[in-house]
């Protein structure tokens, strides 16, 4: 396959999957969880169940044997019906975290039924473009119910008016359908599959081609790439490597300089790790507490490392907090659990 940007859709076992290929290298992979686990972004009609004393929330029934945990639920009696959305994945045996602040997200727009206001992504800084998008937002939401809000995402910059309007109409229609749904039985209302998320996350810039053929993962050699993703070792161009090992408590990252014994070996390996780590974590579906055991380097170089890491994480798209240095010289991160470990899904 020639170089370019491709979205490849196929299945892993009986689950939907999507891969983003950039110049014949996997940049991202999304795979649906097992049928008995709620998918992040899915919207459910739920029923309030047991209150969790001391944890500030309640367990809610999502239907089909699935459970969610709603934090901050006050004044809700058992059996009360409400709409919730899955926010993150849960560890085995635990209820999936959910919220009652629902958003309807597409490539161009986020419709917020409970948060009024029309907003444009702050990353769009051109005043004329912001004015254009504000006008589109006003026109698109003119007939929306009171209390509905809209956020136009960064992908809107330069996009055609009709494309943005169609996206907003689809999301607003889905939101109104859920709001007007009068059912009280616990059930799934709107699914959020890996392939749905792929078009939202990777749709801008537009792919050179979308490949949606059965067996395309095999034909394009993507299954071989999956074998590399299963490995803990991530090679570095400088000759070293870092190892990403997941435990129940945290994700440990160990940086090794390999055969480079120069005075700058540690700094070079750490800087390369900073640029490569977000992709390694993303492909492996890892989040939570992350501890970096870096190669030895002078303390004066720590700021340069933090700057490089912050820059690469900013482009990554998954919420990650840089916590800082520990007394032992480790560096800590806190990363949102948006995905399940890819190794388990494969």
C-alpha atoms as a PDB file:
ATOM      1  CA  UNK A   1       0.000   0.000   0.000  1.00  0.00           C
ATOM      2  CA  UNK A   2       1.300   3.464  -0.900  1.00  0.00           C
ATOM      3  CA  UNK A   3       1.974   6.026   1.808  1.00  0.00           C
ATOM      4  CA  UNK A   4      -1.010   7.980   3.054  1.00  0.00           C
ATOM      5  CA  UNK A   5      -3.670   8.237   5.742  1.00  0.00           C
ATOM      6  CA  UNK A   6      -6.111   5.322   5.840  1.00  0.00           C
ATOM      7  CA  UNK A   7      -8.946   4.265   8.129  1.00  0.00           C
ATOM      8  CA  UNK A   8      -9.325   0.481   8.058  1.00  0.00           C
ATOM      9  CA  UNK A   9     -12.487  -1.176   9.398  1.00  0.00           C
ATOM     10  CA  UNK A  10     -12.744  -4.881  10.158  1.00  0.00           C
ATOM     11  CA  UNK A  11     -13.458  -7.212  13.058  1.00  0.00           C
ATOM     12  CA  UNK A  12     -11.374  -8.854  15.759  1.00  0.00           C
ATOM     13  CA  UNK A  13     -13.177 -12.055  16.615  1.00  0.00           C
ATOM     14  CA  UNK A  14     -16.820 -11.000  16.804  1.00  0.00           C
ATOM     15  CA  UNK A  15     -16.101  -7.372  17.775  1.00  0.00           C
ATOM     16  CA  UNK A  16     -15.954  -4.218  15.671  1.00  0.00           C
ATOM     17  CA  UNK A  17     -12.487  -2.751  15.242  1.00  0.00           C
ATOM     18  CA  UNK A  18     -10.861   0.202  13.483  1.00  0.00           C
ATOM     19  CA  UNK A  19      -7.238   1.070  12.740  1.00  0.00           C
ATOM     20  CA  UNK A  20      -5.674   4.354  11.668  1.00  0.00           C
ATOM     21  CA  UNK A  21      -2.743   3.803   9.299  1.00  0.00           C
ATOM     22  CA  UNK A  22      -0.304   6.626   8.553  1.00  0.00           C
ATOM     23  CA  UNK A  23       2.347   5.831   5.973  1.00  0.00           C
ATOM     24  CA  UNK A  24       1.900   2.110   6.638  1.00  0.00           C
ATOM     25  CA  UNK A  25       2.364   2.498  10.388  1.00  0.00           C
ATOM     26  CA  UNK A  26      -0.437   2.023  12.933  1.00  0.00           C
ATOM     27  CA  UNK A  27      -1.138   5.311  14.680  1.00  0.00           C
ATOM     28  CA  UNK A  28      -4.205   4.197  16.600  1.00  0.00           C
ATOM     29  CA  UNK A  29      -6.454   1.190  17.138  1.00  0.00           C
ATOM     30  CA  UNK A  30      -9.969   0.919  18.574  1.00  0.00           C
ATOM     31  CA  UNK A  31     -11.672  -2.383  19.454  1.00  0.00           C
ATOM     32  CA  UNK A  32     -15.076  -2.939  21.042  1.00  0.00           C
ATOM     33  CA  UNK A  33     -15.152  -4.652  24.441  1.00  0.00           C
ATOM     34  CA  UNK A  34     -16.936  -7.921  25.077  1.00  0.00           C
ATOM     35  CA  UNK A  35     -20.736  -7.846  24.868  1.00  0.00           C
ATOM     36  CA  UNK A  36     -21.122  -7.903  28.652  1.00  0.00           C
ATOM     37  CA  UNK A  37     -19.114  -4.682  29.168  1.00  0.00           C
ATOM     38  CA  UNK A  38     -20.567  -1.207  28.483  1.00  0.00           C
ATOM     39  CA  UNK A  39     -18.718   0.809  25.846  1.00  0.00           C
ATOM     40  CA  UNK A  40     -17.411   4.284  26.719  1.00  0.00           C
ATOM     41  CA  UNK A  41     -19.745   6.900  25.236  1.00  0.00           C
ATOM     42  CA  UNK A  42     -22.796   4.602  25.114  1.00  0.00           C
ATOM     43  CA  UNK A  43     -26.051   6.089  26.435  1.00  0.00           C
ATOM     44  CA  UNK A  44     -28.446   4.063  28.585  1.00  0.00           C
ATOM     45  CA  UNK A  45     -31.823   4.372  30.211  1.00  0.00           C
ATOM     46  CA  UNK A  46     -30.899   3.325  33.744  1.00  0.00           C
ATOM     47  CA  UNK A  47     -32.708   2.616  36.996  1.00  0.00           C
ATOM     48  CA  UNK A  48     -31.318   3.626  40.368  1.00  0.00           C
ATOM     49  CA  UNK A  49     -30.379   0.741  42.612  1.00  0.00           C
ATOM     50  CA  UNK A  50     -28.232   0.371  45.705  1.00  0.00           C
ATOM     51  CA  UNK A  51     -26.669   3.433  47.355  1.00  0.00           C
ATOM     52  CA  UNK A  52     -22.929   2.997  48.042  1.00  0.00           C
ATOM     53  CA  UNK A  53     -22.435   4.513  51.488  1.00  0.00           C
ATOM     54  CA  UNK A  54     -19.112   6.233  51.907  1.00  0.00           C
ATOM     55  CA  UNK A  55     -18.528   6.396  48.142  1.00  0.00           C
ATOM     56  CA  UNK A  56     -20.928   9.222  47.357  1.00  0.00           C
ATOM     57  CA  UNK A  57     -22.870   7.482  44.640  1.00  0.00           C
ATOM     58  CA  UNK A  58     -25.328   4.789  43.623  1.00  0.00           C
ATOM     59  CA  UNK A  59     -25.214   1.639  41.528  1.00  0.00           C
ATOM     60  CA  UNK A  60     -27.561   1.854  38.537  1.00  0.00           C
ATOM     61  CA  UNK A  61     -29.011  -0.963  36.455  1.00  0.00           C
ATOM     62  CA  UNK A  62     -28.197  -0.547  32.748  1.00  0.00           C
ATOM     63  CA  UNK A  63     -30.152  -3.587  31.633  1.00  0.00           C
ATOM     64  CA  UNK A  64     -28.970  -6.931  30.232  1.00  0.00           C
ATOM     65  CA  UNK A  65     -27.111  -7.632  33.469  1.00  0.00           C
ATOM     66  CA  UNK A  66     -24.857  -4.567  33.203  1.00  0.00           C
ATOM     67  CA  UNK A  67     -24.226  -2.173  36.081  1.00  0.00           C
ATOM     68  CA  UNK A  68     -23.014   1.404  36.315  1.00  0.00           C
ATOM     69  CA  UNK A  69     -21.815   3.635  39.150  1.00  0.00           C
ATOM     70  CA  UNK A  70     -23.167   7.183  39.280  1.00  0.00           C
ATOM     71  CA  UNK A  71     -21.180   9.477  41.554  1.00  0.00           C
ATOM     72  CA  UNK A  72     -22.762  12.435  43.308  1.00  0.00           C
ATOM     73  CA  UNK A  73     -26.317  11.123  42.996  1.00  0.00           C
ATOM     74  CA  UNK A  74     -28.446  12.829  45.638  1.00  0.00           C
ATOM     75  CA  UNK A  75     -32.148  12.559  46.318  1.00  0.00           C
ATOM     76  CA  UNK A  76     -32.633   9.605  43.968  1.00  0.00           C
ATOM     77  CA  UNK A  77     -34.786   6.826  45.311  1.00  0.00           C
ATOM     78  CA  UNK A  78     -34.398   3.194  44.235  1.00  0.00           C
ATOM     79  CA  UNK A  79     -36.218   2.473  40.984  1.00  0.00           C
ATOM     80  CA  UNK A  80     -35.915   6.055  39.705  1.00  0.00           C
ATOM     81  CA  UNK A  81     -35.337   6.096  35.909  1.00  0.00           C
ATOM     82  CA  UNK A  82     -32.713   8.386  34.362  1.00  0.00           C
ATOM     83  CA  UNK A  83     -30.452   8.701  31.338  1.00  0.00           C
ATOM     84  CA  UNK A  84     -26.716   8.083  31.802  1.00  0.00           C
ATOM     85  CA  UNK A  85     -23.599   7.858  29.656  1.00  0.00           C
ATOM     86  CA  UNK A  86     -20.555   5.659  30.237  1.00  0.00           C
ATOM     87  CA  UNK A  87     -17.471   7.812  30.899  1.00  0.00           C
ATOM     88  CA  UNK A  88     -14.616   5.327  31.449  1.00  0.00           C
ATOM     89  CA  UNK A  89     -13.994   1.607  31.636  1.00  0.00           C
ATOM     90  CA  UNK A  90     -14.062  -0.169  34.961  1.00  0.00           C
ATOM     91  CA  UNK A  91     -11.739  -2.787  36.367  1.00  0.00           C
ATOM     92  CA  UNK A  92     -12.935  -6.389  36.316  1.00  0.00           C
ATOM     93  CA  UNK A  93     -15.829  -6.962  38.677  1.00  0.00           C
ATOM     94  CA  UNK A  94     -16.635  -3.265  39.136  1.00  0.00           C
ATOM     95  CA  UNK A  95     -19.519  -1.188  37.792  1.00  0.00           C
ATOM     96  CA  UNK A  96     -18.773   1.112  34.845  1.00  0.00           C
ATOM     97  CA  UNK A  97     -18.522   4.813  35.828  1.00  0.00           C
ATOM     98  CA  UNK A  98     -21.415   6.798  34.322  1.00  0.00           C
ATOM     99  CA  UNK A  99     -22.640  10.402  34.313  1.00  0.00           C
ATOM    100  CA  UNK A 100     -26.062  11.977  33.941  1.00  0.00           C
ATOM    101  CA  UNK A 101     -24.521  14.942  32.060  1.00  0.00           C
ATOM    102  CA  UNK A 102     -24.987  13.576  28.550  1.00  0.00           C
ATOM    103  CA  UNK A 103     -23.133  14.791  25.458  1.00  0.00           C
ATOM    104  CA  UNK A 104     -23.752  13.861  21.817  1.00  0.00           C
ATOM    105  CA  UNK A 105     -20.440  14.014  20.006  1.00  0.00           C
ATOM    106  CA  UNK A 106     -19.687  13.911  16.293  1.00  0.00           C
ATOM    107  CA  UNK A 107     -16.789  14.944  14.079  1.00  0.00           C
ATOM    108  CA  UNK A 108     -17.796  18.604  14.025  1.00  0.00           C
ATOM    109  CA  UNK A 109     -20.117  19.155  16.957  1.00  0.00           C
ATOM    110  CA  UNK A 110     -20.981  18.324  20.550  1.00  0.00           C
ATOM    111  CA  UNK A 111     -24.633  18.819  21.487  1.00  0.00           C
ATOM    112  CA  UNK A 112     -25.212  19.322  25.232  1.00  0.00           C
ATOM    113  CA  UNK A 113     -28.894  19.033  26.250  1.00  0.00           C
ATOM    114  CA  UNK A 114     -28.220  20.183  29.837  1.00  0.00           C
ATOM    115  CA  UNK A 115     -25.632  22.908  29.168  1.00  0.00           C
ATOM    116  CA  UNK A 116     -27.022  25.834  27.140  1.00  0.00           C
ATOM    117  CA  UNK A 117     -24.796  28.123  25.102  1.00  0.00           C
ATOM    118  CA  UNK A 118     -23.146  28.205  21.681  1.00  0.00           C
ATOM    119  CA  UNK A 119     -19.373  27.848  21.769  1.00  0.00           C
ATOM    120  CA  UNK A 120     -16.498  27.434  19.322  1.00  0.00           C
ATOM    121  CA  UNK A 121     -13.328  25.499  20.148  1.00  0.00           C
ATOM    122  CA  UNK A 122     -10.652  27.811  21.542  1.00  0.00           C
ATOM    123  CA  UNK A 123      -8.067  26.250  19.252  1.00  0.00           C
ATOM    124  CA  UNK A 124      -9.778  28.082  16.370  1.00  0.00           C
ATOM    125  CA  UNK A 125      -8.277  31.551  16.693  1.00  0.00           C
ATOM    126  CA  UNK A 126      -9.031  33.266  13.394  1.00  0.00           C
ATOM    127  CA  UNK A 127     -11.695  35.902  14.149  1.00  0.00           C
ATOM    128  CA  UNK A 128     -13.397  35.643  10.756  1.00  0.00           C
ATOM    129  CA  UNK A 129     -13.602  31.853  11.038  1.00  0.00           C
ATOM    130  CA  UNK A 130     -15.004  32.088  14.561  1.00  0.00           C
ATOM    131  CA  UNK A 131     -17.649  34.543  13.354  1.00  0.00           C
ATOM    132  CA  UNK A 132     -18.562  32.180  10.490  1.00  0.00           C
ATOM    133  CA  UNK A 133     -18.912  29.234  12.851  1.00  0.00           C
ATOM    134  CA  UNK A 134     -20.940  31.231  15.373  1.00  0.00           C
ATOM    135  CA  UNK A 135     -23.373  32.099  12.591  1.00  0.00           C
ATOM    136  CA  UNK A 136     -23.628  28.420  11.615  1.00  0.00           C
ATOM    137  CA  UNK A 137     -24.225  27.468  15.245  1.00  0.00           C
ATOM    138  CA  UNK A 138     -27.039  30.023  15.627  1.00  0.00           C
ATOM    139  CA  UNK A 139     -28.734  28.857  12.430  1.00  0.00           C
ATOM    140  CA  UNK A 140     -28.380  25.161  13.265  1.00  0.00           C
ATOM    141  CA  UNK A 141     -29.742  25.481  16.805  1.00  0.00           C
ATOM    142  CA  UNK A 142     -32.506  28.003  16.055  1.00  0.00           C
ATOM    143  CA  UNK A 143     -35.237  25.392  16.537  1.00  0.00           C
ATOM    144  CA  UNK A 144     -33.523  23.369  19.279  1.00  0.00           C
ATOM    145  CA  UNK A 145     -35.348  22.938  22.604  1.00  0.00           C
ATOM    146  CA  UNK A 146     -34.634  25.414  25.382  1.00  0.00           C
ATOM    147  CA  UNK A 147     -31.580  24.427  27.390  1.00  0.00           C
ATOM    148  CA  UNK A 148     -29.779  22.725  24.512  1.00  0.00           C
ATOM    149  CA  UNK A 149     -26.195  23.828  23.978  1.00  0.00           C
ATOM    150  CA  UNK A 150     -23.624  23.331  21.235  1.00  0.00           C
ATOM    151  CA  UNK A 151     -19.839  23.204  20.992  1.00  0.00           C
ATOM    152  CA  UNK A 152     -18.235  23.365  17.553  1.00  0.00           C
ATOM    153  CA  UNK A 153     -15.041  21.305  17.572  1.00  0.00           C
ATOM    154  CA  UNK A 154     -11.676  22.214  16.054  1.00  0.00           C
ATOM    155  CA  UNK A 155     -12.421  20.010  13.019  1.00  0.00           C
ATOM    156  CA  UNK A 156     -14.928  22.669  11.913  1.00  0.00           C
ATOM    157  CA  UNK A 157     -12.145  25.043  10.892  1.00  0.00           C
ATOM    158  CA  UNK A 158     -12.384  25.380   7.120  1.00  0.00           C
ATOM    159  CA  UNK A 159     -15.128  22.729   6.853  1.00  0.00           C
ATOM    160  CA  UNK A 160     -18.093  23.270   4.520  1.00  0.00           C
ATOM    161  CA  UNK A 161     -21.195  24.840   6.049  1.00  0.00           C
ATOM    162  CA  UNK A 162     -23.489  22.059   4.798  1.00  0.00           C
ATOM    163  CA  UNK A 163     -21.294  19.351   6.336  1.00  0.00           C
ATOM    164  CA  UNK A 164     -21.294  21.070   9.721  1.00  0.00           C
ATOM    165  CA  UNK A 165     -25.048  21.728   9.589  1.00  0.00           C
ATOM    166  CA  UNK A 166     -25.760  18.084   8.752  1.00  0.00           C
ATOM    167  CA  UNK A 167     -23.583  16.899  11.630  1.00  0.00           C
ATOM    168  CA  UNK A 168     -25.313  19.213  14.099  1.00  0.00           C
ATOM    169  CA  UNK A 169     -28.752  18.159  12.881  1.00  0.00           C
ATOM    170  CA  UNK A 170     -27.881  14.487  13.356  1.00  0.00           C
ATOM    171  CA  UNK A 171     -26.612  14.978  16.900  1.00  0.00           C
ATOM    172  CA  UNK A 172     -29.458  17.291  17.912  1.00  0.00           C
ATOM    173  CA  UNK A 173     -31.944  14.792  16.494  1.00  0.00           C
ATOM    174  CA  UNK A 174     -30.382  11.966  18.510  1.00  0.00           C
ATOM    175  CA  UNK A 175     -30.480  14.107  21.656  1.00  0.00           C
ATOM    176  CA  UNK A 176     -34.135  15.017  21.177  1.00  0.00           C
ATOM    177  CA  UNK A 177     -35.054  11.387  20.532  1.00  0.00           C
ATOM    178  CA  UNK A 178     -33.511  10.371  23.857  1.00  0.00           C
ATOM    179  CA  UNK A 179     -34.997  13.307  25.767  1.00  0.00           C
ATOM    180  CA  UNK A 180     -38.477  12.518  24.378  1.00  0.00           C
ATOM    181  CA  UNK A 181     -38.175   8.788  24.944  1.00  0.00           C
ATOM    182  CA  UNK A 182     -40.767   7.901  27.526  1.00  0.00           C
ATOM    183  CA  UNK A 183     -39.571   4.409  28.396  1.00  0.00           C
ATOM    184  CA  UNK A 184     -38.526   3.560  31.939  1.00  0.00           C
ATOM    185  CA  UNK A 185     -37.017   0.108  31.418  1.00  0.00           C
ATOM    186  CA  UNK A 186     -33.240  -0.125  31.803  1.00  0.00           C
ATOM    187  CA  UNK A 187     -31.797  -0.536  28.313  1.00  0.00           C
ATOM    188  CA  UNK A 188     -29.197   0.665  25.794  1.00  0.00           C
ATOM    189  CA  UNK A 189     -30.373   3.745  23.893  1.00  0.00           C
ATOM    190  CA  UNK A 190     -27.390   4.724  21.753  1.00  0.00           C
ATOM    191  CA  UNK A 191     -24.377   2.499  21.128  1.00  0.00           C
ATOM    192  CA  UNK A 192     -20.844   3.844  20.696  1.00  0.00           C
ATOM    193  CA  UNK A 193     -18.850   1.333  18.666  1.00  0.00           C
ATOM    194  CA  UNK A 194     -15.163   1.400  17.818  1.00  0.00           C
ATOM    195  CA  UNK A 195     -16.024   2.276  14.238  1.00  0.00           C
ATOM    196  CA  UNK A 196     -18.275   5.166  15.333  1.00  0.00           C
ATOM    197  CA  UNK A 197     -15.451   6.529  17.460  1.00  0.00           C
ATOM    198  CA  UNK A 198     -12.982   6.143  14.601  1.00  0.00           C
ATOM    199  CA  UNK A 199     -14.872   8.575  12.378  1.00  0.00           C
ATOM    200  CA  UNK A 200     -15.235  11.061  15.224  1.00  0.00           C
ATOM    201  CA  UNK A 201     -11.590  10.892  16.323  1.00  0.00           C
ATOM    202  CA  UNK A 202      -9.845  10.426  12.978  1.00  0.00           C
ATOM    203  CA  UNK A 203     -12.163  12.148  10.512  1.00  0.00           C
ATOM    204  CA  UNK A 204     -10.082  15.318  10.373  1.00  0.00           C
ATOM    205  CA  UNK A 205      -7.978  15.630   8.335  1.00  0.00           C
ATOM    206  CA  UNK A 206      -9.918  13.482   5.912  1.00  0.00           C
ATOM    207  CA  UNK A 207      -8.489  10.032   5.233  1.00  0.00           C
ATOM    208  CA  UNK A 208      -7.117   9.292   1.784  1.00  0.00           C
ATOM    209  CA  UNK A 209      -9.300   6.188   1.798  1.00  0.00           C
ATOM    210  CA  UNK A 210     -11.644   4.288   4.100  1.00  0.00           C
ATOM    211  CA  UNK A 211     -11.165   0.554   3.718  1.00  0.00           C
ATOM    212  CA  UNK A 212     -14.162  -1.464   4.888  1.00  0.00           C
ATOM    213  CA  UNK A 213     -13.593  -4.993   3.624  1.00  0.00           C
ATOM    214  CA  UNK A 214     -13.875  -8.229   5.550  1.00  0.00           C
ATOM    215  CA  UNK A 215     -10.407  -9.633   6.151  1.00  0.00           C
ATOM    216  CA  UNK A 216      -8.662  -6.310   5.461  1.00  0.00           C
ATOM    217  CA  UNK A 217      -6.634  -6.560   8.684  1.00  0.00           C
ATOM    218  CA  UNK A 218      -5.117  -9.782   7.368  1.00  0.00           C
ATOM    219  CA  UNK A 219      -4.629  -8.607   3.776  1.00  0.00           C
ATOM    220  CA  UNK A 220      -2.906  -5.384   4.840  1.00  0.00           C
ATOM    221  CA  UNK A 221      -0.616  -7.035   7.382  1.00  0.00           C
ATOM    222  CA  UNK A 222      -2.273  -5.304  10.333  1.00  0.00           C
ATOM    223  CA  UNK A 223      -2.447  -8.571  12.260  1.00  0.00           C
ATOM    224  CA  UNK A 224       1.368  -8.612  12.234  1.00  0.00           C
ATOM    225  CA  UNK A 225       1.382  -5.095  13.696  1.00  0.00           C
ATOM    226  CA  UNK A 226      -0.914  -6.348  16.466  1.00  0.00           C
ATOM    227  CA  UNK A 227       1.808  -8.771  17.539  1.00  0.00           C
ATOM    228  CA  UNK A 228       4.161  -5.817  18.146  1.00  0.00           C
ATOM    229  CA  UNK A 229       1.471  -4.049  20.172  1.00  0.00           C
ATOM    230  CA  UNK A 230       1.236  -7.076  22.465  1.00  0.00           C
ATOM    231  CA  UNK A 231       4.934  -6.702  23.317  1.00  0.00           C
ATOM    232  CA  UNK A 232       6.001  -4.645  26.354  1.00  0.00           C
ATOM    233  CA  UNK A 233       9.153  -3.490  24.550  1.00  0.00           C
ATOM    234  CA  UNK A 234       9.137  -0.260  22.522  1.00  0.00           C
ATOM    235  CA  UNK A 235      12.393   0.214  20.556  1.00  0.00           C
ATOM    236  CA  UNK A 236      14.012   3.647  20.304  1.00  0.00           C
ATOM    237  CA  UNK A 237      15.889   4.948  17.258  1.00  0.00           C
ATOM    238  CA  UNK A 238      18.849   5.796  19.494  1.00  0.00           C
ATOM    239  CA  UNK A 239      19.393   2.088  20.100  1.00  0.00           C
ATOM    240  CA  UNK A 240      17.738   1.806  23.489  1.00  0.00           C
ATOM    241  CA  UNK A 241      14.174   0.913  24.381  1.00  0.00           C
ATOM    242  CA  UNK A 242      11.532   1.437  26.994  1.00  0.00           C
ATOM    243  CA  UNK A 243       9.267  -1.197  28.495  1.00  0.00           C
ATOM    244  CA  UNK A 244       5.588  -0.618  29.259  1.00  0.00           C
ATOM    245  CA  UNK A 245       4.337  -3.061  31.881  1.00  0.00           C
ATOM    246  CA  UNK A 246       0.806  -2.976  33.257  1.00  0.00           C
ATOM    247  CA  UNK A 247       0.027  -4.110  36.806  1.00  0.00           C
ATOM    248  CA  UNK A 248      -3.225  -3.996  38.759  1.00  0.00           C
ATOM    249  CA  UNK A 249      -2.105  -0.850  40.562  1.00  0.00           C
ATOM    250  CA  UNK A 250      -0.318   1.131  37.869  1.00  0.00           C
ATOM    251  CA  UNK A 251       1.515   1.169  34.550  1.00  0.00           C
ATOM    252  CA  UNK A 252       5.314   1.077  34.920  1.00  0.00           C
ATOM    253  CA  UNK A 253       7.552   2.476  32.161  1.00  0.00           C
ATOM    254  CA  UNK A 254      11.270   1.652  32.324  1.00  0.00           C
ATOM    255  CA  UNK A 255      13.654   3.513  29.979  1.00  0.00           C
ATOM    256  CA  UNK A 256      16.868   1.753  28.949  1.00  0.00           C
ATOM    257  CA  UNK A 257      19.740   3.293  26.960  1.00  0.00           C
ATOM    258  CA  UNK A 258      20.814  -0.039  25.481  1.00  0.00           C
ATOM    259  CA  UNK A 259      24.387  -0.084  24.196  1.00  0.00           C
ATOM    260  CA  UNK A 260      24.804   3.710  24.226  1.00  0.00           C
ATOM    261  CA  UNK A 261      27.181   4.578  27.087  1.00  0.00           C
ATOM    262  CA  UNK A 262      27.841   8.214  26.161  1.00  0.00           C
ATOM    263  CA  UNK A 263      27.340  11.051  28.655  1.00  0.00           C
ATOM    264  CA  UNK A 264      24.178  12.152  26.835  1.00  0.00           C
ATOM    265  CA  UNK A 265      22.725   8.638  26.459  1.00  0.00           C
ATOM    266  CA  UNK A 266      20.194   9.025  29.282  1.00  0.00           C
ATOM    267  CA  UNK A 267      18.904  12.383  28.064  1.00  0.00           C
ATOM    268  CA  UNK A 268      18.609  11.152  24.457  1.00  0.00           C
ATOM    269  CA  UNK A 269      16.666   8.045  25.477  1.00  0.00           C
ATOM    270  CA  UNK A 270      14.374  10.010  27.819  1.00  0.00           C
ATOM    271  CA  UNK A 271      13.624  12.674  25.216  1.00  0.00           C
ATOM    272  CA  UNK A 272      12.819  10.033  22.624  1.00  0.00           C
ATOM    273  CA  UNK A 273      10.610   8.276  25.160  1.00  0.00           C
ATOM    274  CA  UNK A 274       8.762  11.566  25.774  1.00  0.00           C
ATOM    275  CA  UNK A 275       7.973  11.846  22.059  1.00  0.00           C
ATOM    276  CA  UNK A 276       7.032   8.172  21.656  1.00  0.00           C
ATOM    277  CA  UNK A 277       5.236   7.351  24.911  1.00  0.00           C
ATOM    278  CA  UNK A 278       1.747   8.725  24.059  1.00  0.00           C
ATOM    279  CA  UNK A 279       1.509   6.530  20.962  1.00  0.00           C
ATOM    280  CA  UNK A 280       2.763   3.484  22.897  1.00  0.00           C
ATOM    281  CA  UNK A 281       0.143   3.987  25.612  1.00  0.00           C
ATOM    282  CA  UNK A 282      -2.597   4.733  23.091  1.00  0.00           C
ATOM    283  CA  UNK A 283      -1.943   1.611  21.023  1.00  0.00           C
ATOM    284  CA  UNK A 284      -1.868  -0.537  24.157  1.00  0.00           C
ATOM    285  CA  UNK A 285      -5.026   1.031  25.584  1.00  0.00           C
ATOM    286  CA  UNK A 286      -3.361   1.840  28.897  1.00  0.00           C
ATOM    287  CA  UNK A 287      -4.373   4.498  31.410  1.00  0.00           C
ATOM    288  CA  UNK A 288      -4.685   5.188  35.118  1.00  0.00           C
ATOM    289  CA  UNK A 289      -1.574   5.840  37.214  1.00  0.00           C
ATOM    290  CA  UNK A 290       1.616   5.757  35.144  1.00  0.00           C
ATOM    291  CA  UNK A 291       5.114   5.845  36.663  1.00  0.00           C
ATOM    292  CA  UNK A 292       8.179   6.525  34.501  1.00  0.00           C
ATOM    293  CA  UNK A 293      11.514   5.123  35.652  1.00  0.00           C
ATOM    294  CA  UNK A 294      13.731   7.215  33.375  1.00  0.00           C
ATOM    295  CA  UNK A 295      17.319   6.685  32.352  1.00  0.00           C
ATOM    296  CA  UNK A 296      19.848   8.663  34.432  1.00  0.00           C
ATOM    297  CA  UNK A 297      20.121  12.323  33.407  1.00  0.00           C
ATOM    298  CA  UNK A 298      21.111  15.578  35.158  1.00  0.00           C
ATOM    299  CA  UNK A 299      18.371  17.367  37.086  1.00  0.00           C
ATOM    300  CA  UNK A 300      18.928  20.450  34.934  1.00  0.00           C
ATOM    301  CA  UNK A 301      17.505  18.516  31.955  1.00  0.00           C
ATOM    302  CA  UNK A 302      14.220  17.666  33.671  1.00  0.00           C
ATOM    303  CA  UNK A 303      12.443  20.765  32.412  1.00  0.00           C
ATOM    304  CA  UNK A 304      13.339  19.971  28.795  1.00  0.00           C
ATOM    305  CA  UNK A 305      11.971  16.457  29.276  1.00  0.00           C
ATOM    306  CA  UNK A 306       8.711  17.777  30.771  1.00  0.00           C
ATOM    307  CA  UNK A 307       8.303  20.247  27.901  1.00  0.00           C
ATOM    308  CA  UNK A 308       8.760  17.500  25.301  1.00  0.00           C
ATOM    309  CA  UNK A 309       6.355  15.170  27.105  1.00  0.00           C
ATOM    310  CA  UNK A 310       3.710  17.880  27.530  1.00  0.00           C
ATOM    311  CA  UNK A 311       3.927  18.742  23.831  1.00  0.00           C
ATOM    312  CA  UNK A 312       3.502  15.154  22.664  1.00  0.00           C
ATOM    313  CA  UNK A 313       0.612  14.517  25.081  1.00  0.00           C
ATOM    314  CA  UNK A 314      -1.172  17.652  23.886  1.00  0.00           C
ATOM    315  CA  UNK A 315      -1.332  16.179  20.393  1.00  0.00           C
ATOM    316  CA  UNK A 316      -2.455  12.815  21.735  1.00  0.00           C
ATOM    317  CA  UNK A 317      -6.070  13.674  22.514  1.00  0.00           C
ATOM    318  CA  UNK A 318      -6.503  11.522  25.644  1.00  0.00           C
ATOM    319  CA  UNK A 319      -6.762  13.477  28.896  1.00  0.00           C
ATOM    320  CA  UNK A 320      -3.471  13.085  30.769  1.00  0.00           C
ATOM    321  CA  UNK A 321      -2.298  15.017  33.831  1.00  0.00           C
ATOM    322  CA  UNK A 322       1.430  15.537  34.415  1.00  0.00           C
ATOM    323  CA  UNK A 323       1.683  14.958  38.165  1.00  0.00           C
ATOM    324  CA  UNK A 324       5.418  15.515  38.591  1.00  0.00           C
ATOM    325  CA  UNK A 325       8.602  14.082  40.078  1.00  0.00           C
ATOM    326  CA  UNK A 326       8.774  11.754  43.070  1.00  0.00           C
ATOM    327  CA  UNK A 327      11.536  11.823  45.732  1.00  0.00           C
ATOM    328  CA  UNK A 328      13.070   8.773  44.025  1.00  0.00           C
ATOM    329  CA  UNK A 329      13.327  10.632  40.708  1.00  0.00           C
ATOM    330  CA  UNK A 330      10.421   8.890  38.975  1.00  0.00           C
ATOM    331  CA  UNK A 331       7.938  10.886  36.912  1.00  0.00           C
ATOM    332  CA  UNK A 332       4.187  10.329  37.395  1.00  0.00           C
ATOM    333  CA  UNK A 333       1.210  10.753  35.081  1.00  0.00           C
ATOM    334  CA  UNK A 334      -2.539  10.262  35.539  1.00  0.00           C
ATOM    335  CA  UNK A 335      -4.258   9.202  32.308  1.00  0.00           C
ATOM    336  CA  UNK A 336      -7.975   8.755  31.647  1.00  0.00           C
ATOM    337  CA  UNK A 337      -9.074   5.133  31.183  1.00  0.00           C
ATOM    338  CA  UNK A 338     -10.744   5.665  27.816  1.00  0.00           C
ATOM    339  CA  UNK A 339      -9.906   2.185  26.602  1.00  0.00           C
ATOM    340  CA  UNK A 340      -9.437  -1.389  27.669  1.00  0.00           C
ATOM    341  CA  UNK A 341      -5.951  -2.913  27.387  1.00  0.00           C
ATOM    342  CA  UNK A 342      -5.471  -3.845  23.735  1.00  0.00           C
ATOM    343  CA  UNK A 343      -3.544  -6.975  24.668  1.00  0.00           C
ATOM    344  CA  UNK A 344      -6.652  -8.356  26.405  1.00  0.00           C
ATOM    345  CA  UNK A 345      -8.918  -7.472  23.474  1.00  0.00           C
ATOM    346  CA  UNK A 346      -6.590  -9.198  21.024  1.00  0.00           C
END
